PDB file of all heavy atoms in Angstrom:
ATOM      1  N   TYR A   1     -24.441  34.362  18.577  1.00  0.00           N
ATOM      2  CA  TYR A   1     -23.710  35.596  18.837  1.00  0.00           C
ATOM      3  C   TYR A   1     -23.030  35.466  20.185  1.00  0.00           C
ATOM      4  O   TYR A   1     -23.428  34.649  21.029  1.00  0.00           O
ATOM      5  CB  TYR A   1     -24.599  36.845  18.762  1.00  0.00           C
ATOM      6  CG  TYR A   1     -25.783  36.873  19.689  1.00  0.00           C
ATOM      7  CD1 TYR A   1     -25.645  37.218  21.041  1.00  0.00           C
ATOM      8  CD2 TYR A   1     -27.065  36.591  19.225  1.00  0.00           C
ATOM      9  CE1 TYR A   1     -26.727  37.261  21.886  1.00  0.00           C
ATOM     10  CE2 TYR A   1     -28.156  36.627  20.066  1.00  0.00           C
ATOM     11  CZ  TYR A   1     -27.993  36.970  21.391  1.00  0.00           C
ATOM     12  OH  TYR A   1     -29.079  37.007  22.232  1.00  0.00           O
ATOM     13  N   GLN A   2     -21.994  36.263  20.387  1.00  0.00           N
ATOM     14  CA  GLN A   2     -21.198  36.171  21.612  1.00  0.00           C
ATOM     15  C   GLN A   2     -21.116  37.525  22.283  1.00  0.00           C
ATOM     16  O   GLN A   2     -20.810  38.539  21.641  1.00  0.00           O
ATOM     17  CB  GLN A   2     -19.787  35.671  21.284  1.00  0.00           C
ATOM     18  CG  GLN A   2     -18.863  35.592  22.490  1.00  0.00           C
ATOM     19  CD  GLN A   2     -17.484  35.052  22.125  1.00  0.00           C
ATOM     20  OE1 GLN A   2     -17.349  34.270  21.203  1.00  0.00           O
ATOM     21  NE2 GLN A   2     -16.478  35.482  22.846  1.00  0.00           N
ATOM     22  N   LEU A   3     -21.392  37.546  23.596  1.00  0.00           N
ATOM     23  CA  LEU A   3     -21.258  38.751  24.413  1.00  0.00           C
ATOM     24  C   LEU A   3     -20.075  38.578  25.344  1.00  0.00           C
ATOM     25  O   LEU A   3     -19.952  37.545  26.015  1.00  0.00           O
ATOM     26  CB  LEU A   3     -22.535  38.998  25.218  1.00  0.00           C
ATOM     27  CG  LEU A   3     -23.784  39.351  24.400  1.00  0.00           C
ATOM     28  CD1 LEU A   3     -25.032  39.247  25.254  1.00  0.00           C
ATOM     29  CD2 LEU A   3     -23.665  40.750  23.808  1.00  0.00           C
ATOM     30  N   THR A   4     -19.196  39.573  25.393  1.00  0.00           N
ATOM     31  CA  THR A   4     -17.980  39.487  26.194  1.00  0.00           C
ATOM     32  C   THR A   4     -17.887  40.688  27.127  1.00  0.00           C
ATOM     33  O   THR A   4     -18.020  41.834  26.694  1.00  0.00           O
ATOM     34  CB  THR A   4     -16.723  39.449  25.297  1.00  0.00           C
ATOM     35  OG1 THR A   4     -16.835  38.379  24.361  1.00  0.00           O
ATOM     36  CG2 THR A   4     -15.465  39.270  26.126  1.00  0.00           C
ATOM     37  N   ASP A   5     -17.667  40.411  28.423  1.00  0.00           N
ATOM     38  CA  ASP A   5     -17.444  41.460  29.418  1.00  0.00           C
ATOM     39  C   ASP A   5     -16.058  41.266  30.022  1.00  0.00           C
ATOM     40  O   ASP A   5     -15.506  40.161  30.019  1.00  0.00           O
ATOM     41  CB  ASP A   5     -18.501  41.397  30.527  1.00  0.00           C
ATOM     42  CG  ASP A   5     -19.866  41.820  30.027  1.00  0.00           C
ATOM     43  OD1 ASP A   5     -20.063  43.018  29.796  1.00  0.00           O
ATOM     44  OD2 ASP A   5     -20.738  40.950  29.864  1.00  0.00           O
ATOM     45  N   GLY A   6     -15.500  42.335  30.565  1.00  0.00           N
ATOM     46  CA  GLY A   6     -14.177  42.244  31.176  1.00  0.00           C
ATOM     47  C   GLY A   6     -13.987  43.317  32.228  1.00  0.00           C
ATOM     48  O   GLY A   6     -14.854  44.174  32.447  1.00  0.00           O
ATOM     49  N   ALA A   7     -12.847  43.265  32.895  1.00  0.00           N
ATOM     50  CA  ALA A   7     -12.518  44.242  33.935  1.00  0.00           C
ATOM     51  C   ALA A   7     -11.026  44.523  33.901  1.00  0.00           C
ATOM     52  O   ALA A   7     -10.222  43.669  33.510  1.00  0.00           O
ATOM     53  CB  ALA A   7     -12.924  43.718  35.317  1.00  0.00           C
ATOM     54  N   ASN A   8     -10.658  45.734  34.297  1.00  0.00           N
ATOM     55  CA  ASN A   8      -9.256  46.143  34.349  1.00  0.00           C
ATOM     56  C   ASN A   8      -8.793  46.224  35.800  1.00  0.00           C
ATOM     57  O   ASN A   8      -9.495  46.781  36.656  1.00  0.00           O
ATOM     58  CB  ASN A   8      -9.067  47.521  33.687  1.00  0.00           C
ATOM     59  CG  ASN A   8      -9.345  47.475  32.200  1.00  0.00           C
ATOM     60  OD1 ASN A   8      -8.810  46.644  31.488  1.00  0.00           O
ATOM     61  ND2 ASN A   8     -10.201  48.368  31.720  1.00  0.00           N
ATOM     62  N   TYR A   9      -7.624  45.661  36.065  1.00  0.00           N
ATOM     63  CA  TYR A   9      -7.049  45.669  37.401  1.00  0.00           C
ATOM     64  C   TYR A   9      -5.605  46.164  37.332  1.00  0.00           C
ATOM     65  O   TYR A   9      -4.935  46.019  36.307  1.00  0.00           O
ATOM     66  CB  TYR A   9      -7.044  44.263  38.017  1.00  0.00           C
ATOM     67  CG  TYR A   9      -8.417  43.734  38.357  1.00  0.00           C
ATOM     68  CD1 TYR A   9      -9.196  43.102  37.400  1.00  0.00           C
ATOM     69  CD2 TYR A   9      -8.933  43.857  39.648  1.00  0.00           C
ATOM     70  CE1 TYR A   9     -10.452  42.608  37.711  1.00  0.00           C
ATOM     71  CE2 TYR A   9     -10.192  43.367  39.964  1.00  0.00           C
ATOM     72  CZ  TYR A   9     -10.944  42.740  38.984  1.00  0.00           C
ATOM     73  OH  TYR A   9     -12.182  42.264  39.296  1.00  0.00           O
ATOM     74  N   SER A  10      -5.142  46.728  38.417  1.00  0.00           N
ATOM     75  CA  SER A  10      -3.724  47.059  38.555  1.00  0.00           C
ATOM     76  C   SER A  10      -3.188  46.348  39.790  1.00  0.00           C
ATOM     77  O   SER A  10      -3.957  45.980  40.687  1.00  0.00           O
ATOM     78  CB  SER A  10      -3.514  48.573  38.683  1.00  0.00           C
ATOM     79  OG  SER A  10      -4.046  49.045  39.913  1.00  0.00           O
ATOM     80  N   GLU A  11      -1.889  46.138  39.820  1.00  0.00           N
ATOM     81  CA  GLU A  11      -1.266  45.451  40.952  1.00  0.00           C
ATOM     82  C   GLU A  11      -0.655  46.466  41.918  1.00  0.00           C
ATOM     83  O   GLU A  11       0.072  47.364  41.505  1.00  0.00           O
ATOM     84  CB  GLU A  11      -0.186  44.488  40.463  1.00  0.00           C
ATOM     85  CG  GLU A  11      -0.727  43.317  39.657  1.00  0.00           C
ATOM     86  CD  GLU A  11       0.362  42.334  39.284  1.00  0.00           C
ATOM     87  OE1 GLU A  11       1.556  42.664  39.475  1.00  0.00           O
ATOM     88  OE2 GLU A  11       0.032  41.228  38.807  1.00  0.00           O
ATOM     89  N   LYS A  12      -0.994  46.320  43.187  1.00  0.00           N
ATOM     90  CA  LYS A  12      -0.455  47.183  44.236  1.00  0.00           C
ATOM     91  C   LYS A  12       0.430  46.341  45.147  1.00  0.00           C
ATOM     92  O   LYS A  12      -0.003  45.314  45.670  1.00  0.00           O
ATOM     93  CB  LYS A  12      -1.586  47.817  45.050  1.00  0.00           C
ATOM     94  CG  LYS A  12      -2.420  48.829  44.283  1.00  0.00           C
ATOM     95  CD  LYS A  12      -1.702  50.137  44.134  1.00  0.00           C
ATOM     96  CE  LYS A  12      -2.617  51.193  43.528  1.00  0.00           C
ATOM     97  NZ  LYS A  12      -1.948  52.507  43.419  1.00  0.00           N
ATOM     98  N   LYS A  13       1.664  46.777  45.320  1.00  0.00           N
ATOM     99  CA  LYS A  13       2.574  46.075  46.210  1.00  0.00           C
ATOM    100  C   LYS A  13       2.426  46.608  47.630  1.00  0.00           C
ATOM    101  O   LYS A  13       2.498  47.815  47.870  1.00  0.00           O
ATOM    102  CB  LYS A  13       4.013  46.243  45.724  1.00  0.00           C
ATOM    103  CG  LYS A  13       4.274  45.587  44.371  1.00  0.00           C
ATOM    104  CD  LYS A  13       5.717  45.735  43.942  1.00  0.00           C
ATOM    105  CE  LYS A  13       5.960  45.055  42.598  1.00  0.00           C
ATOM    106  NZ  LYS A  13       7.363  45.200  42.151  1.00  0.00           N
ATOM    107  N   VAL A  14       2.202  45.694  48.565  1.00  0.00           N
ATOM    108  CA  VAL A  14       2.007  46.048  49.970  1.00  0.00           C
ATOM    109  C   VAL A  14       3.170  45.488  50.772  1.00  0.00           C
ATOM    110  O   VAL A  14       3.492  44.297  50.649  1.00  0.00           O
ATOM    111  CB  VAL A  14       0.676  45.479  50.499  1.00  0.00           C
ATOM    112  CG1 VAL A  14       0.493  45.831  51.970  1.00  0.00           C
ATOM    113  CG2 VAL A  14      -0.492  46.029  49.684  1.00  0.00           C
ATOM    114  N   PRO A  15       3.843  46.318  51.574  1.00  0.00           N
ATOM    115  CA  PRO A  15       4.972  45.827  52.381  1.00  0.00           C
ATOM    116  C   PRO A  15       4.567  44.655  53.274  1.00  0.00           C
ATOM    117  O   PRO A  15       3.513  44.686  53.909  1.00  0.00           O
ATOM    118  CB  PRO A  15       5.361  47.055  53.211  1.00  0.00           C
ATOM    119  CG  PRO A  15       4.865  48.232  52.428  1.00  0.00           C
ATOM    120  CD  PRO A  15       3.614  47.759  51.757  1.00  0.00           C
ATOM    121  N   GLY A  16       5.386  43.625  53.293  1.00  0.00           N
ATOM    122  CA  GLY A  16       5.143  42.478  54.154  1.00  0.00           C
ATOM    123  C   GLY A  16       4.373  41.354  53.491  1.00  0.00           C
ATOM    124  O   GLY A  16       4.247  40.273  54.062  1.00  0.00           O
ATOM    125  N   LEU A  17       3.868  41.570  52.274  1.00  0.00           N
ATOM    126  CA  LEU A  17       3.135  40.520  51.566  1.00  0.00           C
ATOM    127  C   LEU A  17       4.036  39.880  50.513  1.00  0.00           C
ATOM    128  O   LEU A  17       4.880  40.546  49.910  1.00  0.00           O
ATOM    129  CB  LEU A  17       1.890  41.086  50.885  1.00  0.00           C
ATOM    130  CG  LEU A  17       0.738  41.533  51.783  1.00  0.00           C
ATOM    131  CD1 LEU A  17      -0.460  41.913  50.918  1.00  0.00           C
ATOM    132  CD2 LEU A  17       0.353  40.437  52.761  1.00  0.00           C
ATOM    133  N   ASP A  18       3.794  38.582  50.283  1.00  0.00           N
ATOM    134  CA  ASP A  18       4.591  37.868  49.283  1.00  0.00           C
ATOM    135  C   ASP A  18       4.249  38.292  47.864  1.00  0.00           C
ATOM    136  O   ASP A  18       5.090  38.242  46.970  1.00  0.00           O
ATOM    137  CB  ASP A  18       4.373  36.351  49.415  1.00  0.00           C
ATOM    138  CG  ASP A  18       4.953  35.809  50.709  1.00  0.00           C
ATOM    139  OD1 ASP A  18       5.909  36.423  51.222  1.00  0.00           O
ATOM    140  OD2 ASP A  18       4.437  34.794  51.201  1.00  0.00           O
ATOM    141  N   GLY A  19       3.009  38.681  47.652  1.00  0.00           N
ATOM    142  CA  GLY A  19       2.576  39.064  46.309  1.00  0.00           C
ATOM    143  C   GLY A  19       1.760  40.335  46.320  1.00  0.00           C
ATOM    144  O   GLY A  19       1.358  40.831  47.375  1.00  0.00           O
ATOM    145  N   PRO A  20       1.479  40.907  45.140  1.00  0.00           N
ATOM    146  CA  PRO A  20       0.721  42.154  45.050  1.00  0.00           C
ATOM    147  C   PRO A  20      -0.770  41.937  45.302  1.00  0.00           C
ATOM    148  O   PRO A  20      -1.281  40.817  45.218  1.00  0.00           O
ATOM    149  CB  PRO A  20       0.970  42.607  43.608  1.00  0.00           C
ATOM    150  CG  PRO A  20       1.181  41.330  42.862  1.00  0.00           C
ATOM    151  CD  PRO A  20       1.903  40.413  43.816  1.00  0.00           C
ATOM    152  N   VAL A  21      -1.460  43.030  45.610  1.00  0.00           N
ATOM    153  CA  VAL A  21      -2.912  43.035  45.772  1.00  0.00           C
ATOM    154  C   VAL A  21      -3.511  43.611  44.495  1.00  0.00           C
ATOM    155  O   VAL A  21      -3.055  44.632  43.982  1.00  0.00           O
ATOM    156  CB  VAL A  21      -3.338  43.883  46.984  1.00  0.00           C
ATOM    157  CG1 VAL A  21      -4.858  43.977  47.062  1.00  0.00           C
ATOM    158  CG2 VAL A  21      -2.776  43.293  48.265  1.00  0.00           C
ATOM    159  N   LEU A  22      -4.529  42.939  43.973  1.00  0.00           N
ATOM    160  CA  LEU A  22      -5.186  43.424  42.772  1.00  0.00           C
ATOM    161  C   LEU A  22      -6.165  44.533  43.123  1.00  0.00           C
ATOM    162  O   LEU A  22      -6.999  44.377  44.023  1.00  0.00           O
ATOM    163  CB  LEU A  22      -5.928  42.294  42.065  1.00  0.00           C
ATOM    164  CG  LEU A  22      -5.073  41.243  41.350  1.00  0.00           C
ATOM    165  CD1 LEU A  22      -5.972  40.200  40.700  1.00  0.00           C
ATOM    166  CD2 LEU A  22      -4.185  41.883  40.301  1.00  0.00           C
ATOM    167  N   GLN A  23      -6.061  45.655  42.409  1.00  0.00           N
ATOM    168  CA  GLN A  23      -6.978  46.770  42.612  1.00  0.00           C
ATOM    169  C   GLN A  23      -7.853  46.926  41.381  1.00  0.00           C
ATOM    170  O   GLN A  23      -7.365  47.043  40.263  1.00  0.00           O
ATOM    171  CB  GLN A  23      -6.225  48.078  42.857  1.00  0.00           C
ATOM    172  CG  GLN A  23      -7.167  49.271  43.035  1.00  0.00           C
ATOM    173  CD  GLN A  23      -6.413  50.587  43.103  1.00  0.00           C
ATOM    174  OE1 GLN A  23      -5.198  50.602  42.975  1.00  0.00           O
ATOM    175  NE2 GLN A  23      -7.133  51.678  43.298  1.00  0.00           N
ATOM    176  N   TYR A  24      -9.148  46.907  41.605  1.00  0.00           N
ATOM    177  CA  TYR A  24     -10.096  47.085  40.500  1.00  0.00           C
ATOM    178  C   TYR A  24     -10.022  48.519  39.992  1.00  0.00           C
ATOM    179  O   TYR A  24     -10.105  49.470  40.765  1.00  0.00           O
ATOM    180  CB  TYR A  24     -11.512  46.765  40.974  1.00  0.00           C
ATOM    181  CG  TYR A  24     -12.587  47.034  39.951  1.00  0.00           C
ATOM    182  CD1 TYR A  24     -12.819  46.139  38.907  1.00  0.00           C
ATOM    183  CD2 TYR A  24     -13.376  48.180  40.029  1.00  0.00           C
ATOM    184  CE1 TYR A  24     -13.819  46.382  37.973  1.00  0.00           C
ATOM    185  CE2 TYR A  24     -14.365  48.424  39.103  1.00  0.00           C
ATOM    186  CZ  TYR A  24     -14.579  47.519  38.072  1.00  0.00           C
ATOM    187  OH  TYR A  24     -15.565  47.774  37.147  1.00  0.00           O
TER     188      TYR A  24
END
C-alpha cells in the first residue's frame, strides 16, 4: 500500500529579489 502526503504553497514576489518566496 502507498501513503502520500503533500503541501500547498503560494509564490510571493518581494521587491529586490530575483525570484519569488514560497509561502506555506
